[in-house]
Amino acid sequence: MTNELSTIIANVGFPIAISMYLLVRIEGKLQVLSDSIAELSKTLLEFNK
């Protein structure tokens, strides 16, 4: 049982770790993109006045 559990963790743990790392990186980039879109929207509203 212990050998099977360690094999499952070894096989699944690495992909989970990589997925979490990529999600954290993408989240930061999405926040920057969202902020840029909000700033662009404000600029366009001011430009149309």
Protein backbone atom coordinates (compact mmCIF):
# COMPACT_ATOMS: atom_id res chain seq x y z
CA MET A 1 0.00 0.00 0.00
CA THR A 2 2.78 2.45 0.89
CA ASN A 3 4.65 1.70 -2.33
CA GLU A 4 1.49 2.29 -4.38
CA LEU A 5 0.82 5.57 -2.56
CA SER A 6 4.35 6.85 -3.13
CA THR A 7 4.08 5.93 -6.82
CA ILE A 8 0.80 7.84 -7.15
CA ILE A 9 2.29 10.91 -5.45
CA ALA A 10 5.38 10.74 -7.66
CA ASN A 11 3.29 10.49 -10.82
CA VAL A 12 0.65 13.08 -9.93
CA GLY A 13 2.55 15.46 -7.66
CA PHE A 14 4.84 16.90 -10.32
CA PRO A 15 2.04 17.81 -12.76
CA ILE A 16 0.06 19.36 -9.92
CA ALA A 17 3.05 21.44 -8.85
CA ILE A 18 3.65 22.66 -12.42
CA SER A 19 -0.04 23.47 -12.85
CA MET A 20 -0.12 25.50 -9.65
CA TYR A 21 3.03 27.40 -10.67
CA LEU A 22 1.58 28.25 -14.08
CA LEU A 23 -1.77 29.30 -12.60
CA VAL A 24 -0.03 31.71 -10.23
CA ARG A 25 1.98 33.23 -13.08
CA ILE A 26 -1.05 33.55 -15.35
CA GLU A 27 -3.11 35.13 -12.55
CA GLY A 28 -0.61 37.96 -12.21
CA LYS A 29 -0.55 38.57 -15.94
CA LEU A 30 -4.35 38.55 -16.10
CA GLN A 31 -4.48 41.19 -13.36
CA VAL A 32 -2.08 43.42 -15.30
CA LEU A 33 -4.17 42.94 -18.44
CA SER A 34 -7.37 43.76 -16.57
CA ASP A 35 -5.81 46.94 -15.16
CA SER A 36 -4.64 47.97 -18.62
CA ILE A 37 -8.11 47.47 -20.08
CA ALA A 38 -9.66 49.55 -17.30
CA GLU A 39 -7.14 52.34 -17.90
CA LEU A 40 -7.80 52.22 -21.64
CA SER A 41 -11.53 52.45 -21.00
CA LYS A 42 -11.06 55.55 -18.81
CA THR A 43 -8.82 57.14 -21.44
CA LEU A 44 -11.35 56.50 -24.20
CA LEU A 45 -14.17 57.99 -22.12
CA GLU A 46 -12.11 61.13 -21.47
CA PHE A 47 -11.13 61.35 -25.14
CA ASN A 48 -14.79 61.25 -26.29
CA LYS A 49 -15.85 64.18 -24.09
